[in-house]
Amino acid sequence: MIPIIGKSLHINWDELACKDGANHTVGTPYPIGFINDGRVIELVVMFERIRQHFGSRPITINSAYRTKAYNKKIGGAPNSQHLHGKALDLQPPSGMDVTAFFNELKLNSHWMGFRGLGKYKTFVHCDIRDSKELIIWDLSNG
């Protein structure tokens, strides 16, 4: 694992890359333009705050950056924050279900830095969209 130098001990470039490779493995790298404009730093800081809150329990990143083609292939929203390198889909830490994870994130959103929070059947979506308010949705039943 190659960490993002000086920014994270718990996330690496492969985890941020699009999973459009064979068998949903690493494919297209996180875009250099998103690194240069600083959004990757904001995304990583958000993730580190989430990790800090949940202690030593690992949190798996299911999806981060997505290419337009891959996002369409998997049925992602047409203007998904994943397309802009601003979103992470996260598995709950060990011993916690999706509902408890989602509720804990919602309670602590003010200091964790995300502005989009979505609950799905098996994961929680967090993003750093351009919004002054926290946008919350629940698609866990559909």
Protein backbone atom coordinates (compact mmCIF):
# COMPACT_ATOMS: atom_id res chain seq x y z
CA MET A 1 0.00 0.00 0.00
CA ILE A 2 1.45 3.37 -1.04
CA PRO A 3 -0.14 6.05 1.13
CA ILE A 4 -0.88 9.52 -0.15
CA ILE A 5 2.30 11.07 1.13
CA GLY A 6 1.86 13.28 4.19
CA LYS A 7 -1.93 13.12 4.05
CA SER A 8 -3.12 9.65 4.99
CA LEU A 9 -2.00 6.46 6.63
CA HIS A 10 -5.25 4.71 5.73
CA ILE A 11 -5.90 5.40 2.05
CA ASN A 12 -3.82 4.84 -1.05
CA TRP A 13 -3.91 5.73 -4.73
CA ASP A 14 -5.28 2.32 -5.76
CA GLU A 15 -8.29 2.82 -3.48
CA LEU A 16 -9.03 6.16 -5.15
CA ALA A 17 -8.69 4.81 -8.71
CA CYS A 18 -11.67 3.77 -10.81
CA LYS A 19 -12.45 0.04 -10.45
CA ASP A 20 -12.94 -0.32 -14.22
CA GLY A 21 -10.20 -2.94 -14.56
CA ALA A 22 -10.76 -6.66 -14.98
CA ASN A 23 -12.96 -8.11 -12.23
CA HIS A 24 -13.54 -4.61 -10.79
CA THR A 25 -9.89 -4.23 -9.83
CA VAL A 26 -7.94 -1.00 -10.12
CA GLY A 27 -8.13 0.56 -13.53
CA THR A 28 -8.11 4.25 -14.44
CA PRO A 29 -6.03 6.27 -11.95
CA TYR A 30 -7.44 9.17 -9.96
CA PRO A 31 -7.04 12.15 -12.36
CA ILE A 32 -3.99 14.35 -11.99
CA GLY A 33 -6.17 17.45 -12.42
CA PHE A 34 -8.13 16.46 -9.29
CA ILE A 35 -4.85 16.08 -7.44
CA ASN A 36 -3.52 19.43 -8.62
CA ASP A 37 -6.68 21.37 -7.73
CA GLY A 38 -6.59 20.05 -4.15
CA ARG A 39 -9.85 18.08 -4.03
CA VAL A 40 -7.96 14.88 -3.26
CA ILE A 41 -6.67 16.50 -0.06
CA GLU A 42 -10.20 17.42 1.06
CA LEU A 43 -11.40 13.89 0.25
CA VAL A 44 -8.56 12.27 2.17
CA VAL A 45 -8.99 14.57 5.18
CA MET A 46 -12.68 13.61 5.27
CA PHE A 47 -11.76 9.91 5.22
CA GLU A 48 -9.13 10.33 7.94
CA ARG A 49 -11.67 12.08 10.18
CA ILE A 50 -14.08 9.19 9.67
CA ARG A 51 -11.32 6.69 10.47
CA GLN A 52 -10.32 8.69 13.55
CA HIS A 53 -13.88 8.62 14.86
CA PHE A 54 -14.17 4.84 14.50
CA GLY A 55 -10.77 4.11 16.04
CA SER A 56 -8.62 1.27 14.82
CA ARG A 57 -11.41 -0.50 12.90
CA PRO A 58 -10.65 -0.56 9.16
CA ILE A 59 -13.17 0.97 6.78
CA THR A 60 -13.16 -0.43 3.24
CA ILE A 61 -13.59 1.90 0.28
CA ASN A 62 -15.86 0.24 -2.31
CA SER A 63 -15.73 3.06 -4.82
CA ALA A 64 -14.05 6.44 -5.20
CA TYR A 65 -13.30 8.04 -8.60
CA ARG A 66 -15.27 6.68 -11.58
CA THR A 67 -14.89 7.32 -15.28
CA LYS A 68 -18.05 8.38 -17.11
CA ALA A 69 -18.19 5.03 -18.96
CA TYR A 70 -17.78 2.96 -15.80
CA ASN A 71 -20.29 5.07 -13.87
CA LYS A 72 -22.86 4.48 -16.62
CA LYS A 73 -22.06 0.77 -16.76
CA ILE A 74 -22.77 0.29 -13.05
CA GLY A 75 -25.89 2.49 -13.05
CA GLY A 76 -24.41 5.48 -11.20
CA ALA A 77 -26.19 8.84 -11.18
CA PRO A 78 -25.48 10.84 -14.37
CA ASN A 79 -23.78 13.65 -12.42
CA SER A 80 -22.39 11.49 -9.61
CA GLN A 81 -19.84 13.06 -7.30
CA HIS A 82 -17.67 10.00 -8.10
CA LEU A 83 -17.17 11.43 -11.61
CA HIS A 84 -15.63 14.52 -10.03
CA GLY A 85 -13.36 12.59 -7.64
CA LYS A 86 -15.34 13.89 -4.66
CA ALA A 87 -17.01 10.75 -3.28
CA LEU A 88 -16.32 7.56 -1.36
CA ASP A 89 -18.62 4.57 -0.90
CA LEU A 90 -17.69 2.99 2.42
CA GLN A 91 -18.32 -0.37 4.08
CA PRO A 92 -19.19 -0.09 7.77
CA PRO A 93 -16.38 -1.01 10.15
CA SER A 94 -16.37 -4.51 11.63
CA GLY A 95 -19.15 -5.08 14.13
CA MET A 96 -21.36 -2.28 12.80
CA ASP A 97 -24.27 -2.48 10.37
CA VAL A 98 -25.03 0.06 7.64
CA THR A 99 -27.78 1.80 9.61
CA ALA A 100 -25.62 2.35 12.70
CA PHE A 101 -22.69 3.53 10.53
CA PHE A 102 -24.93 5.95 8.60
CA ASN A 103 -26.49 7.35 11.79
CA GLU A 104 -23.10 7.85 13.44
CA LEU A 105 -21.78 9.65 10.36
CA LYS A 106 -24.88 11.86 10.21
CA LEU A 107 -24.43 12.85 13.87
CA ASN A 108 -20.78 13.80 13.26
CA SER A 109 -21.00 15.27 9.77
CA HIS A 110 -20.31 18.83 10.98
CA TRP A 111 -16.66 18.10 11.80
CA MET A 112 -15.93 15.22 9.38
CA GLY A 113 -16.20 17.49 6.35
CA PHE A 114 -18.63 15.75 4.01
CA ARG A 115 -21.64 17.48 2.46
CA GLY A 116 -23.36 14.50 0.85
CA LEU A 117 -24.41 11.42 2.83
CA GLY A 118 -26.32 8.52 1.33
CA LYS A 119 -27.45 5.22 2.82
CA TYR A 120 -27.60 2.14 0.60
CA LYS A 121 -28.22 -1.54 1.40
CA THR A 122 -24.58 -2.51 1.89
CA PHE A 123 -22.62 0.75 2.08
CA VAL A 124 -22.68 4.45 2.92
CA HIS A 125 -21.81 7.19 0.42
CA CYS A 126 -19.93 10.30 1.64
CA ASP A 127 -18.94 13.19 -0.60
CA ILE A 128 -17.44 16.66 -0.60
CA ARG A 129 -19.87 18.23 -3.09
CA ASP A 130 -20.09 21.99 -3.48
CA SER A 131 -22.90 22.69 -1.02
CA LYS A 132 -23.28 24.74 2.13
CA GLU A 133 -25.77 22.27 3.56
CA LEU A 134 -25.55 18.55 4.22
CA ILE A 135 -27.56 16.64 1.59
CA ILE A 136 -28.89 13.33 2.96
CA TRP A 137 -30.70 10.47 1.22
CA ASP A 138 -31.70 6.89 1.97
CA LEU A 139 -31.92 4.35 -0.86
CA SER A 140 -31.38 1.32 1.34
CA ASN A 141 -34.83 -0.12 0.63
CA GLY A 142 -34.74 0.14 -3.12
